[in-house]
């Protein structure tokens, strides 16, 4: 049996123990490294997963916004299309109206009544006065006269000068009053008119004073800002003035009353909206409009039949006179005997 050294056997076993210990330590370190790396990778994966979820949410939000914008664009396109169709329809109607008007314009027009020369002369003469204008509205001339020529400030009673002016206008129609309708429109300013102030009392003047030289001059009443108008609005004032003009034409009887049309416009159509010339807004406008002969004849016949009721149908008419009695033969014999 060979001799085995015990020291070498011990050294060999110690070396193996050290080797396997190192191997164990290596595997333990490798396991720790793998565990640490796996944990780090898991953290990174979770982070990436959260980012993916965030991006997916953002994508869903953008997709919803895109769908909303597409729906809005579709709705806007539908509205635009409907508006275009509406405009096309209106343009077609307008073209049809223009064609109809052109056709009417090309038709021969019946001769209309010629404006009386006296009325034209009156327009020309009155247009020379201050504040009086003659404007063209359509195919007719309109005479604008300040209300100060007819009424005192804030009042609706015709002045004598205004009555004379209305009489001139009525007389200017001459014998053609049946062929025209006299349209009168009363306007007011947007600012209410204050009634005129009470004129100051007359003061005694010495003979030879300059004031005595012009005794015919009358003091012009000026508006009193402190006075309160009895008319609440400009329409009320123009309505009262229109009624005064209507009553004057009805009472003086120069014109057929059914051919006079008086309208109150209030402050609806001012000529001047600002500045010093706003007094022009308070005005009365006169114009002539031809009246068709047949319609006027019908109206006249209807008016005459309505204004002269039949005595048989009018309960207020006086009873008819009894018929004259015819004398009998006996009455004749009595008369002969009396005569003898």
C-alpha atoms as a PDB file:
ATOM      1  CA  UNK A   1       0.000   0.000   0.000  1.00  0.00           C
ATOM      2  CA  UNK A   2       1.611   3.223  -1.029  1.00  0.00           C
ATOM      3  CA  UNK A   3       2.153   5.949   1.411  1.00  0.00           C
ATOM      4  CA  UNK A   4      -0.193   8.918   1.172  1.00  0.00           C
ATOM      5  CA  UNK A   5       0.849  12.148   2.676  1.00  0.00           C
ATOM      6  CA  UNK A   6      -1.841  13.456   4.973  1.00  0.00           C
ATOM      7  CA  UNK A   7      -0.749  17.067   4.560  1.00  0.00           C
ATOM      8  CA  UNK A   8      -1.244  17.003   0.840  1.00  0.00           C
ATOM      9  CA  UNK A   9      -4.710  15.457   1.296  1.00  0.00           C
ATOM     10  CA  UNK A  10      -5.671  18.249   3.675  1.00  0.00           C
ATOM     11  CA  UNK A  11      -4.373  20.900   1.333  1.00  0.00           C
ATOM     12  CA  UNK A  12      -6.291  19.422  -1.559  1.00  0.00           C
ATOM     13  CA  UNK A  13      -9.550  19.430   0.393  1.00  0.00           C
ATOM     14  CA  UNK A  14      -9.067  23.027   1.516  1.00  0.00           C
ATOM     15  CA  UNK A  15      -8.471  24.098  -2.062  1.00  0.00           C
ATOM     16  CA  UNK A  16     -11.651  22.396  -3.175  1.00  0.00           C
ATOM     17  CA  UNK A  17     -13.569  24.082  -0.395  1.00  0.00           C
ATOM     18  CA  UNK A  18     -12.208  27.435  -1.392  1.00  0.00           C
ATOM     19  CA  UNK A  19     -13.038  26.800  -5.052  1.00  0.00           C
ATOM     20  CA  UNK A  20     -16.565  25.809  -4.352  1.00  0.00           C
ATOM     21  CA  UNK A  21     -16.943  28.698  -1.988  1.00  0.00           C
ATOM     22  CA  UNK A  22     -15.829  31.062  -4.662  1.00  0.00           C
ATOM     23  CA  UNK A  23     -18.182  29.402  -7.079  1.00  0.00           C
ATOM     24  CA  UNK A  24     -21.030  29.811  -4.571  1.00  0.00           C
ATOM     25  CA  UNK A  25     -20.127  33.435  -4.038  1.00  0.00           C
ATOM     26  CA  UNK A  26     -20.052  33.979  -7.818  1.00  0.00           C
ATOM     27  CA  UNK A  27     -23.451  32.399  -8.299  1.00  0.00           C
ATOM     28  CA  UNK A  28     -24.845  34.334  -5.366  1.00  0.00           C
ATOM     29  CA  UNK A  29     -23.494  37.573  -6.822  1.00  0.00           C
ATOM     30  CA  UNK A  30     -24.868  36.600 -10.213  1.00  0.00           C
ATOM     31  CA  UNK A  31     -28.235  35.873  -8.674  1.00  0.00           C
ATOM     32  CA  UNK A  32     -28.229  39.220  -6.853  1.00  0.00           C
ATOM     33  CA  UNK A  33     -27.249  41.027 -10.040  1.00  0.00           C
ATOM     34  CA  UNK A  34     -29.991  39.230 -11.968  1.00  0.00           C
ATOM     35  CA  UNK A  35     -32.569  40.077  -9.317  1.00  0.00           C
ATOM     36  CA  UNK A  36     -31.494  43.720  -9.237  1.00  0.00           C
ATOM     37  CA  UNK A  37     -31.500  43.911 -13.026  1.00  0.00           C
ATOM     38  CA  UNK A  38     -34.905  42.302 -13.234  1.00  0.00           C
ATOM     39  CA  UNK A  39     -36.320  44.773 -10.692  1.00  0.00           C
ATOM     40  CA  UNK A  40     -34.834  47.694 -12.622  1.00  0.00           C
ATOM     41  CA  UNK A  41     -36.228  46.360 -15.877  1.00  0.00           C
ATOM     42  CA  UNK A  42     -39.644  45.978 -14.255  1.00  0.00           C
ATOM     43  CA  UNK A  43     -39.538  49.590 -13.055  1.00  0.00           C
ATOM     44  CA  UNK A  44     -38.551  50.731 -16.539  1.00  0.00           C
ATOM     45  CA  UNK A  45     -41.266  48.596 -18.096  1.00  0.00           C
ATOM     46  CA  UNK A  46     -43.894  50.053 -15.745  1.00  0.00           C
ATOM     47  CA  UNK A  47     -42.691  53.547 -16.628  1.00  0.00           C
ATOM     48  CA  UNK A  48     -42.921  52.807 -20.334  1.00  0.00           C
ATOM     49  CA  UNK A  49     -46.349  51.231 -19.813  1.00  0.00           C
ATOM     50  CA  UNK A  50     -47.563  54.372 -18.028  1.00  0.00           C
ATOM     51  CA  UNK A  51     -46.258  56.508 -20.864  1.00  0.00           C
ATOM     52  CA  UNK A  52     -48.005  54.251 -23.353  1.00  0.00           C
ATOM     53  CA  UNK A  53     -51.258  54.606 -21.440  1.00  0.00           C
ATOM     54  CA  UNK A  54     -50.795  58.390 -21.329  1.00  0.00           C
ATOM     55  CA  UNK A  55     -50.145  58.506 -25.056  1.00  0.00           C
ATOM     56  CA  UNK A  56     -53.198  56.339 -25.684  1.00  0.00           C
ATOM     57  CA  UNK A  57     -55.328  58.719 -23.607  1.00  0.00           C
ATOM     58  CA  UNK A  58     -53.953  61.674 -25.529  1.00  0.00           C
ATOM     59  CA  UNK A  59     -54.644  59.846 -28.779  1.00  0.00           C
ATOM     60  CA  UNK A  60     -58.224  59.168 -27.707  1.00  0.00           C
ATOM     61  CA  UNK A  61     -58.661  62.817 -26.699  1.00  0.00           C
ATOM     62  CA  UNK A  62     -57.272  64.039 -30.021  1.00  0.00           C
ATOM     63  CA  UNK A  63     -59.456  61.563 -31.863  1.00  0.00           C
ATOM     64  CA  UNK A  64     -62.549  62.852 -30.009  1.00  0.00           C
ATOM     65  CA  UNK A  65     -61.583  66.449 -30.771  1.00  0.00           C
ATOM     66  CA  UNK A  66     -61.025  65.526 -34.410  1.00  0.00           C
ATOM     67  CA  UNK A  67     -64.457  63.908 -34.591  1.00  0.00           C
ATOM     68  CA  UNK A  68     -65.982  66.972 -32.916  1.00  0.00           C
ATOM     69  CA  UNK A  69     -64.271  69.315 -35.374  1.00  0.00           C
ATOM     70  CA  UNK A  70     -65.386  67.158 -38.277  1.00  0.00           C
ATOM     71  CA  UNK A  71     -68.966  67.222 -36.991  1.00  0.00           C
ATOM     72  CA  UNK A  72     -68.765  71.012 -36.552  1.00  0.00           C
ATOM     73  CA  UNK A  73     -67.349  71.393 -40.048  1.00  0.00           C
ATOM     74  CA  UNK A  74     -70.131  69.198 -41.412  1.00  0.00           C
ATOM     75  CA  UNK A  75     -72.737  71.293 -39.549  1.00  0.00           C
ATOM     76  CA  UNK A  76     -71.158  74.537 -40.786  1.00  0.00           C
ATOM     77  CA  UNK A  77     -71.082  73.155 -44.305  1.00  0.00           C
ATOM     78  CA  UNK A  78     -74.781  72.284 -43.992  1.00  0.00           C
ATOM     79  CA  UNK A  79     -75.640  75.766 -42.716  1.00  0.00           C
ATOM     80  CA  UNK A  80     -73.563  77.354 -45.466  1.00  0.00           C
ATOM     81  CA  UNK A  81     -75.315  75.210 -48.035  1.00  0.00           C
ATOM     82  CA  UNK A  82     -78.750  76.162 -46.659  1.00  0.00           C
ATOM     83  CA  UNK A  83     -77.804  79.846 -46.687  1.00  0.00           C
ATOM     84  CA  UNK A  84     -76.532  79.559 -50.231  1.00  0.00           C
ATOM     85  CA  UNK A  85     -79.797  77.888 -51.219  1.00  0.00           C
ATOM     86  CA  UNK A  86     -81.713  80.666 -49.426  1.00  0.00           C
ATOM     87  CA  UNK A  87     -79.698  83.344 -51.243  1.00  0.00           C
ATOM     88  CA  UNK A  88     -80.210  81.571 -54.553  1.00  0.00           C
ATOM     89  CA  UNK A  89     -83.951  81.468 -53.905  1.00  0.00           C
ATOM     90  CA  UNK A  90     -84.031  85.166 -53.000  1.00  0.00           C
ATOM     91  CA  UNK A  91     -81.952  86.038 -56.061  1.00  0.00           C
ATOM     92  CA  UNK A  92     -84.343  84.052 -58.235  1.00  0.00           C
ATOM     93  CA  UNK A  93     -87.329  85.876 -56.715  1.00  0.00           C
ATOM     94  CA  UNK A  94     -85.564  89.216 -57.144  1.00  0.00           C
ATOM     95  CA  UNK A  95     -84.812  88.405 -60.763  1.00  0.00           C
ATOM     96  CA  UNK A  96     -88.450  87.473 -61.281  1.00  0.00           C
ATOM     97  CA  UNK A  97     -89.568  90.754 -59.672  1.00  0.00           C
ATOM     98  CA  UNK A  98     -87.146  92.727 -61.839  1.00  0.00           C
ATOM     99  CA  UNK A  99     -88.429  90.946 -64.937  1.00  0.00           C
ATOM    100  CA  UNK A 100     -92.015  91.700 -63.921  1.00  0.00           C
ATOM    101  CA  UNK A 101     -91.178  95.366 -63.294  1.00  0.00           C
ATOM    102  CA  UNK A 102     -89.382  95.572 -66.642  1.00  0.00           C
ATOM    103  CA  UNK A 103     -92.423  94.062 -68.332  1.00  0.00           C
ATOM    104  CA  UNK A 104     -94.697  96.557 -66.578  1.00  0.00           C
ATOM    105  CA  UNK A 105     -92.372  99.424 -67.546  1.00  0.00           C
ATOM    106  CA  UNK A 106     -92.467  98.357 -71.177  1.00  0.00           C
ATOM    107  CA  UNK A 107     -96.273  98.297 -71.256  1.00  0.00           C
ATOM    108  CA  UNK A 108     -97.898 101.486 -72.551  1.00  0.00           C
ATOM    109  CA  UNK A 109     -98.991 103.601 -69.618  1.00  0.00           C
ATOM    110  CA  UNK A 110    -102.386 105.270 -69.582  1.00  0.00           C
ATOM    111  CA  UNK A 111    -102.074 109.028 -69.623  1.00  0.00           C
ATOM    112  CA  UNK A 112    -102.274 110.409 -66.094  1.00  0.00           C
ATOM    113  CA  UNK A 113    -103.767 113.673 -65.067  1.00  0.00           C
ATOM    114  CA  UNK A 114    -101.439 116.620 -65.489  1.00  0.00           C
ATOM    115  CA  UNK A 115    -100.611 118.557 -62.355  1.00  0.00           C
ATOM    116  CA  UNK A 116    -102.473 121.876 -62.451  1.00  0.00           C
ATOM    117  CA  UNK A 117    -100.361 124.815 -63.565  1.00  0.00           C
ATOM    118  CA  UNK A 118    -101.573 126.901 -60.630  1.00  0.00           C
ATOM    119  CA  UNK A 119    -100.299 124.265 -58.222  1.00  0.00           C
ATOM    120  CA  UNK A 120     -96.908 124.189 -59.937  1.00  0.00           C
ATOM    121  CA  UNK A 121     -96.784 127.982 -59.851  1.00  0.00           C
ATOM    122  CA  UNK A 122     -97.645 127.893 -56.155  1.00  0.00           C
ATOM    123  CA  UNK A 123     -94.829 125.402 -55.520  1.00  0.00           C
ATOM    124  CA  UNK A 124     -92.387 127.631 -57.366  1.00  0.00           C
ATOM    125  CA  UNK A 125     -93.511 130.735 -55.496  1.00  0.00           C
ATOM    126  CA  UNK A 126     -93.516 129.145 -52.044  1.00  0.00           C
ATOM    127  CA  UNK A 127     -90.120 127.521 -52.623  1.00  0.00           C
ATOM    128  CA  UNK A 128     -88.631 131.036 -52.576  1.00  0.00           C
ATOM    129  CA  UNK A 129     -89.620 131.475 -48.922  1.00  0.00           C
ATOM    130  CA  UNK A 130     -87.240 130.666 -46.092  1.00  0.00           C
ATOM    131  CA  UNK A 131     -87.541 127.128 -44.787  1.00  0.00           C
ATOM    132  CA  UNK A 132     -89.847 125.964 -47.592  1.00  0.00           C
ATOM    133  CA  UNK A 133     -88.535 123.125 -49.749  1.00  0.00           C
ATOM    134  CA  UNK A 134     -89.830 121.315 -52.811  1.00  0.00           C
ATOM    135  CA  UNK A 135     -88.438 117.788 -53.121  1.00  0.00           C
ATOM    136  CA  UNK A 136     -89.116 114.999 -55.587  1.00  0.00           C
ATOM    137  CA  UNK A 137     -90.374 111.713 -54.178  1.00  0.00           C
ATOM    138  CA  UNK A 138     -90.857 109.115 -56.865  1.00  0.00           C
ATOM    139  CA  UNK A 139     -92.762 110.767 -59.698  1.00  0.00           C
ATOM    140  CA  UNK A 140     -94.403 113.512 -57.644  1.00  0.00           C
ATOM    141  CA  UNK A 141     -93.283 116.751 -56.084  1.00  0.00           C
ATOM    142  CA  UNK A 142     -93.599 117.252 -52.343  1.00  0.00           C
ATOM    143  CA  UNK A 143     -94.002 120.689 -50.769  1.00  0.00           C
ATOM    144  CA  UNK A 144     -92.418 121.005 -47.316  1.00  0.00           C
ATOM    145  CA  UNK A 145     -93.589 123.924 -45.200  1.00  0.00           C
ATOM    146  CA  UNK A 146     -92.433 124.545 -41.596  1.00  0.00           C
ATOM    147  CA  UNK A 147     -95.136 124.046 -39.002  1.00  0.00           C
ATOM    148  CA  UNK A 148     -94.357 127.535 -37.736  1.00  0.00           C
ATOM    149  CA  UNK A 149     -96.253 128.832 -40.781  1.00  0.00           C
ATOM    150  CA  UNK A 150     -99.433 127.089 -39.583  1.00  0.00           C
ATOM    151  CA  UNK A 151     -99.205 126.712 -35.807  1.00  0.00           C
ATOM    152  CA  UNK A 152     -97.690 128.358 -32.770  1.00  0.00           C
ATOM    153  CA  UNK A 153     -94.960 126.359 -30.985  1.00  0.00           C
ATOM    154  CA  UNK A 154     -96.416 123.350 -29.187  1.00  0.00           C
ATOM    155  CA  UNK A 155    -100.001 124.146 -30.284  1.00  0.00           C
ATOM    156  CA  UNK A 156    -102.437 122.623 -32.777  1.00  0.00           C
ATOM    157  CA  UNK A 157    -104.656 125.627 -33.551  1.00  0.00           C
ATOM    158  CA  UNK A 158    -104.326 126.994 -37.069  1.00  0.00           C
ATOM    159  CA  UNK A 159    -103.119 130.588 -37.274  1.00  0.00           C
ATOM    160  CA  UNK A 160    -104.832 132.959 -39.713  1.00  0.00           C
ATOM    161  CA  UNK A 161    -101.753 132.930 -41.919  1.00  0.00           C
ATOM    162  CA  UNK A 162    -101.854 129.122 -41.938  1.00  0.00           C
ATOM    163  CA  UNK A 163    -105.534 129.118 -42.909  1.00  0.00           C
ATOM    164  CA  UNK A 164    -104.795 131.509 -45.762  1.00  0.00           C
ATOM    165  CA  UNK A 165    -101.954 129.272 -46.934  1.00  0.00           C
ATOM    166  CA  UNK A 166    -104.206 126.196 -46.899  1.00  0.00           C
ATOM    167  CA  UNK A 167    -106.822 128.133 -48.887  1.00  0.00           C
ATOM    168  CA  UNK A 168    -104.178 129.014 -51.489  1.00  0.00           C
ATOM    169  CA  UNK A 169    -103.203 125.364 -51.808  1.00  0.00           C
ATOM    170  CA  UNK A 170    -106.837 124.312 -52.226  1.00  0.00           C
ATOM    171  CA  UNK A 171    -107.538 127.043 -54.784  1.00  0.00           C
ATOM    172  CA  UNK A 172    -104.422 126.118 -56.780  1.00  0.00           C
ATOM    173  CA  UNK A 173    -106.121 122.862 -57.837  1.00  0.00           C
ATOM    174  CA  UNK A 174    -108.774 124.835 -59.682  1.00  0.00           C
ATOM    175  CA  UNK A 175    -111.416 122.743 -61.407  1.00  0.00           C
ATOM    176  CA  UNK A 176    -109.214 119.628 -61.327  1.00  0.00           C
ATOM    177  CA  UNK A 177    -109.712 118.869 -57.656  1.00  0.00           C
ATOM    178  CA  UNK A 178    -111.703 115.742 -58.546  1.00  0.00           C
ATOM    179  CA  UNK A 179    -108.768 114.313 -60.499  1.00  0.00           C
ATOM    180  CA  UNK A 180    -106.254 114.433 -57.629  1.00  0.00           C
ATOM    181  CA  UNK A 181    -105.879 113.355 -54.046  1.00  0.00           C
ATOM    182  CA  UNK A 182    -104.233 115.953 -51.819  1.00  0.00           C
ATOM    183  CA  UNK A 183    -101.988 114.121 -49.351  1.00  0.00           C
ATOM    184  CA  UNK A 184    -100.931 116.040 -46.261  1.00  0.00           C
ATOM    185  CA  UNK A 185     -98.430 114.591 -43.774  1.00  0.00           C
ATOM    186  CA  UNK A 186     -97.627 116.242 -40.440  1.00  0.00           C
ATOM    187  CA  UNK A 187     -94.211 115.707 -38.837  1.00  0.00           C
ATOM    188  CA  UNK A 188     -92.581 116.731 -35.545  1.00  0.00           C
ATOM    189  CA  UNK A 189     -89.044 116.946 -34.233  1.00  0.00           C
ATOM    190  CA  UNK A 190     -87.658 114.369 -31.804  1.00  0.00           C
ATOM    191  CA  UNK A 191     -87.342 117.134 -29.204  1.00  0.00           C
ATOM    192  CA  UNK A 192     -90.761 118.155 -27.842  1.00  0.00           C
ATOM    193  CA  UNK A 193     -91.971 121.629 -28.746  1.00  0.00           C
ATOM    194  CA  UNK A 194     -92.486 123.965 -25.797  1.00  0.00           C
ATOM    195  CA  UNK A 195     -95.545 126.243 -25.919  1.00  0.00           C
ATOM    196  CA  UNK A 196     -94.943 129.867 -26.751  1.00  0.00           C
ATOM    197  CA  UNK A 197     -94.199 132.257 -23.934  1.00  0.00           C
ATOM    198  CA  UNK A 198     -96.781 134.887 -23.025  1.00  0.00           C
ATOM    199  CA  UNK A 199     -95.901 138.140 -24.821  1.00  0.00           C
ATOM    200  CA  UNK A 200     -94.820 140.974 -22.510  1.00  0.00           C
ATOM    201  CA  UNK A 201     -97.319 143.665 -21.609  1.00  0.00           C
ATOM    202  CA  UNK A 202     -97.355 146.778 -23.754  1.00  0.00           C
ATOM    203  CA  UNK A 203     -95.473 149.761 -22.350  1.00  0.00           C
ATOM    204  CA  UNK A 204     -96.446 153.329 -22.922  1.00  0.00           C
ATOM    205  CA  UNK A 205     -94.178 155.085 -25.385  1.00  0.00           C
ATOM    206  CA  UNK A 206     -93.696 158.703 -25.964  1.00  0.00           C
ATOM    207  CA  UNK A 207     -94.814 160.363 -29.167  1.00  0.00           C
ATOM    208  CA  UNK A 208     -92.156 160.294 -31.804  1.00  0.00           C
ATOM    209  CA  UNK A 209     -90.560 157.182 -30.404  1.00  0.00           C
ATOM    210  CA  UNK A 210     -89.090 154.790 -32.996  1.00  0.00           C
ATOM    211  CA  UNK A 211     -91.288 152.014 -31.721  1.00  0.00           C
ATOM    212  CA  UNK A 212     -94.391 153.969 -32.781  1.00  0.00           C
ATOM    213  CA  UNK A 213     -93.231 154.044 -36.357  1.00  0.00           C
ATOM    214  CA  UNK A 214     -93.952 150.325 -36.785  1.00  0.00           C
ATOM    215  CA  UNK A 215     -97.275 149.790 -35.049  1.00  0.00           C
ATOM    216  CA  UNK A 216     -98.182 146.943 -37.369  1.00  0.00           C
ATOM    217  CA  UNK A 217     -95.252 144.808 -36.179  1.00  0.00           C
ATOM    218  CA  UNK A 218     -96.429 142.042 -33.887  1.00  0.00           C
ATOM    219  CA  UNK A 219     -94.173 140.398 -31.322  1.00  0.00           C
ATOM    220  CA  UNK A 220     -93.180 136.889 -32.403  1.00  0.00           C
ATOM    221  CA  UNK A 221     -93.905 134.416 -29.618  1.00  0.00           C
ATOM    222  CA  UNK A 222     -90.845 132.433 -28.612  1.00  0.00           C
ATOM    223  CA  UNK A 223     -90.884 128.964 -27.039  1.00  0.00           C
ATOM    224  CA  UNK A 224     -90.907 128.912 -23.264  1.00  0.00           C
ATOM    225  CA  UNK A 225     -88.641 126.059 -22.009  1.00  0.00           C
ATOM    226  CA  UNK A 226     -90.385 126.090 -18.644  1.00  0.00           C
ATOM    227  CA  UNK A 227     -93.851 125.644 -20.150  1.00  0.00           C
ATOM    228  CA  UNK A 228     -95.280 122.125 -20.466  1.00  0.00           C
ATOM    229  CA  UNK A 229     -96.895 120.977 -23.685  1.00  0.00           C
ATOM    230  CA  UNK A 230    -100.366 119.416 -23.414  1.00  0.00           C
ATOM    231  CA  UNK A 231     -99.231 116.728 -25.879  1.00  0.00           C
ATOM    232  CA  UNK A 232     -97.232 113.880 -24.386  1.00  0.00           C
ATOM    233  CA  UNK A 233     -95.453 112.836 -27.582  1.00  0.00           C
ATOM    234  CA  UNK A 234     -94.625 114.233 -30.990  1.00  0.00           C
ATOM    235  CA  UNK A 235     -97.153 111.847 -32.513  1.00  0.00           C
ATOM    236  CA  UNK A 236     -99.912 113.307 -30.347  1.00  0.00           C
ATOM    237  CA  UNK A 237     -98.953 116.803 -31.500  1.00  0.00           C
ATOM    238  CA  UNK A 238     -98.885 115.851 -35.193  1.00  0.00           C
ATOM    239  CA  UNK A 239    -102.186 113.977 -34.803  1.00  0.00           C
ATOM    240  CA  UNK A 240    -103.835 117.078 -33.346  1.00  0.00           C
ATOM    241  CA  UNK A 241    -102.383 119.268 -36.093  1.00  0.00           C
ATOM    242  CA  UNK A 242    -103.469 116.818 -38.807  1.00  0.00           C
ATOM    243  CA  UNK A 243    -106.970 116.826 -37.322  1.00  0.00           C
ATOM    244  CA  UNK A 244    -106.990 120.635 -37.362  1.00  0.00           C
ATOM    245  CA  UNK A 245    -106.040 120.680 -41.054  1.00  0.00           C
ATOM    246  CA  UNK A 246    -108.641 118.017 -41.839  1.00  0.00           C
ATOM    247  CA  UNK A 247    -111.355 119.973 -40.013  1.00  0.00           C
ATOM    248  CA  UNK A 248    -110.382 123.142 -41.883  1.00  0.00           C
ATOM    249  CA  UNK A 249    -110.662 121.503 -45.311  1.00  0.00           C
ATOM    250  CA  UNK A 250    -113.925 119.849 -44.268  1.00  0.00           C
ATOM    251  CA  UNK A 251    -115.437 123.100 -43.035  1.00  0.00           C
ATOM    252  CA  UNK A 252    -114.322 125.463 -45.765  1.00  0.00           C
ATOM    253  CA  UNK A 253    -115.565 123.074 -48.486  1.00  0.00           C
ATOM    254  CA  UNK A 254    -113.290 124.183 -51.330  1.00  0.00           C
ATOM    255  CA  UNK A 255    -112.090 120.624 -51.983  1.00  0.00           C
ATOM    256  CA  UNK A 256    -114.012 117.338 -52.077  1.00  0.00           C
ATOM    257  CA  UNK A 257    -113.302 116.043 -48.605  1.00  0.00           C
ATOM    258  CA  UNK A 258    -112.933 112.453 -49.820  1.00  0.00           C
ATOM    259  CA  UNK A 259    -109.931 113.614 -51.904  1.00  0.00           C
ATOM    260  CA  UNK A 260    -108.012 114.960 -48.877  1.00  0.00           C
ATOM    261  CA  UNK A 261    -105.827 112.474 -47.006  1.00  0.00           C
ATOM    262  CA  UNK A 262    -104.239 113.812 -43.804  1.00  0.00           C
ATOM    263  CA  UNK A 263    -101.688 111.674 -41.917  1.00  0.00           C
ATOM    264  CA  UNK A 264     -99.780 112.156 -38.647  1.00  0.00           C
ATOM    265  CA  UNK A 265     -96.203 110.864 -38.779  1.00  0.00           C
ATOM    266  CA  UNK A 266     -94.824 112.061 -35.432  1.00  0.00           C
ATOM    267  CA  UNK A 267     -91.018 112.161 -35.259  1.00  0.00           C
ATOM    268  CA  UNK A 268     -90.590 109.007 -37.370  1.00  0.00           C
ATOM    269  CA  UNK A 269     -88.797 110.581 -40.353  1.00  0.00           C
ATOM    270  CA  UNK A 270     -86.497 113.436 -39.272  1.00  0.00           C
ATOM    271  CA  UNK A 271     -84.667 115.387 -41.962  1.00  0.00           C
ATOM    272  CA  UNK A 272     -81.863 116.543 -39.628  1.00  0.00           C
ATOM    273  CA  UNK A 273     -80.711 114.385 -36.708  1.00  0.00           C
ATOM    274  CA  UNK A 274     -78.312 116.870 -35.099  1.00  0.00           C
ATOM    275  CA  UNK A 275     -77.224 120.486 -35.355  1.00  0.00           C
ATOM    276  CA  UNK A 276     -78.978 123.810 -35.434  1.00  0.00           C
ATOM    277  CA  UNK A 277     -81.378 123.002 -38.309  1.00  0.00           C
ATOM    278  CA  UNK A 278     -83.466 120.483 -36.383  1.00  0.00           C
ATOM    279  CA  UNK A 279     -86.408 122.878 -36.608  1.00  0.00           C
ATOM    280  CA  UNK A 280     -86.799 121.649 -40.204  1.00  0.00           C
ATOM    281  CA  UNK A 281     -88.060 118.342 -38.802  1.00  0.00           C
ATOM    282  CA  UNK A 282     -91.257 120.044 -37.608  1.00  0.00           C
ATOM    283  CA  UNK A 283     -92.980 120.375 -40.966  1.00  0.00           C
ATOM    284  CA  UNK A 284     -96.082 119.680 -43.018  1.00  0.00           C
ATOM    285  CA  UNK A 285     -95.754 118.059 -46.447  1.00  0.00           C
ATOM    286  CA  UNK A 286     -98.214 118.441 -49.344  1.00  0.00           C
ATOM    287  CA  UNK A 287     -98.323 116.323 -52.503  1.00  0.00           C
ATOM    288  CA  UNK A 288    -100.776 115.468 -55.291  1.00  0.00           C
ATOM    289  CA  UNK A 289    -101.583 111.924 -56.397  1.00  0.00           C
ATOM    290  CA  UNK A 290    -103.792 111.286 -59.447  1.00  0.00           C
ATOM    291  CA  UNK A 291    -107.118 109.612 -58.695  1.00  0.00           C
ATOM    292  CA  UNK A 292    -108.556 107.085 -61.217  1.00  0.00           C
ATOM    293  CA  UNK A 293    -111.717 108.511 -62.752  1.00  0.00           C
ATOM    294  CA  UNK A 294    -113.855 105.382 -62.458  1.00  0.00           C
ATOM    295  CA  UNK A 295    -112.980 104.770 -58.857  1.00  0.00           C
ATOM    296  CA  UNK A 296    -113.579 108.397 -58.005  1.00  0.00           C
ATOM    297  CA  UNK A 297    -116.962 108.391 -59.783  1.00  0.00           C
ATOM    298  CA  UNK A 298    -117.962 105.313 -57.804  1.00  0.00           C
ATOM    299  CA  UNK A 299    -116.835 106.894 -54.586  1.00  0.00           C
ATOM    300  CA  UNK A 300    -118.692 110.103 -55.429  1.00  0.00           C
ATOM    301  CA  UNK A 301    -121.892 108.244 -56.227  1.00  0.00           C
ATOM    302  CA  UNK A 302    -121.573 106.217 -53.060  1.00  0.00           C
ATOM    303  CA  UNK A 303    -120.898 109.357 -51.023  1.00  0.00           C
ATOM    304  CA  UNK A 304    -123.882 111.188 -52.541  1.00  0.00           C
ATOM    305  CA  UNK A 305    -126.175 108.218 -51.957  1.00  0.00           C
ATOM    306  CA  UNK A 306    -124.969 107.872 -48.394  1.00  0.00           C
ATOM    307  CA  UNK A 307    -125.201 111.580 -47.592  1.00  0.00           C
ATOM    308  CA  UNK A 308    -128.726 112.085 -49.042  1.00  0.00           C
ATOM    309  CA  UNK A 309    -130.885 109.349 -47.504  1.00  0.00           C
ATOM    310  CA  UNK A 310    -134.267 108.493 -48.916  1.00  0.00           C
ATOM    311  CA  UNK A 311    -137.205 109.961 -47.020  1.00  0.00           C
ATOM    312  CA  UNK A 312    -138.925 106.581 -47.030  1.00  0.00           C
ATOM    313  CA  UNK A 313    -136.038 104.961 -45.153  1.00  0.00           C
ATOM    314  CA  UNK A 314    -134.877 107.855 -42.975  1.00  0.00           C
ATOM    315  CA  UNK A 315    -136.754 107.801 -39.640  1.00  0.00           C
ATOM    316  CA  UNK A 316    -135.838 111.453 -39.018  1.00  0.00           C
ATOM    317  CA  UNK A 317    -137.314 112.711 -42.324  1.00  0.00           C
ATOM    318  CA  UNK A 318    -140.525 114.817 -42.033  1.00  0.00           C
ATOM    319  CA  UNK A 319    -143.787 113.140 -43.106  1.00  0.00           C
ATOM    320  CA  UNK A 320    -144.849 113.709 -46.714  1.00  0.00           C
ATOM    321  CA  UNK A 321    -147.485 116.294 -47.517  1.00  0.00           C
ATOM    322  CA  UNK A 322    -151.063 114.892 -47.851  1.00  0.00           C
ATOM    323  CA  UNK A 323    -152.387 114.652 -51.440  1.00  0.00           C
ATOM    324  CA  UNK A 324    -154.643 117.432 -52.662  1.00  0.00           C
ATOM    325  CA  UNK A 325    -158.379 116.497 -52.412  1.00  0.00           C
ATOM    326  CA  UNK A 326    -160.559 116.579 -55.535  1.00  0.00           C
ATOM    327  CA  UNK A 327    -163.888 118.516 -55.018  1.00  0.00           C
ATOM    328  CA  UNK A 328    -167.030 116.368 -55.295  1.00  0.00           C
ATOM    329  CA  UNK A 329    -170.223 117.208 -57.296  1.00  0.00           C
ATOM    330  CA  UNK A 330    -172.101 118.242 -54.132  1.00  0.00           C
ATOM    331  CA  UNK A 331    -169.392 120.762 -53.298  1.00  0.00           C
ATOM    332  CA  UNK A 332    -169.642 122.169 -56.803  1.00  0.00           C
ATOM    333  CA  UNK A 333    -173.445 122.652 -56.446  1.00  0.00           C
ATOM    334  CA  UNK A 334    -172.973 124.441 -53.111  1.00  0.00           C
ATOM    335  CA  UNK A 335    -170.400 126.762 -54.656  1.00  0.00           C
ATOM    336  CA  UNK A 336    -172.833 127.623 -57.486  1.00  0.00           C
ATOM    337  CA  UNK A 337    -175.646 128.367 -54.982  1.00  0.00           C
ATOM    338  CA  UNK A 338    -173.416 130.632 -52.959  1.00  0.00           C
ATOM    339  CA  UNK A 339    -172.367 132.410 -56.085  1.00  0.00           C
ATOM    340  CA  UNK A 340    -176.013 133.180 -56.964  1.00  0.00           C
END
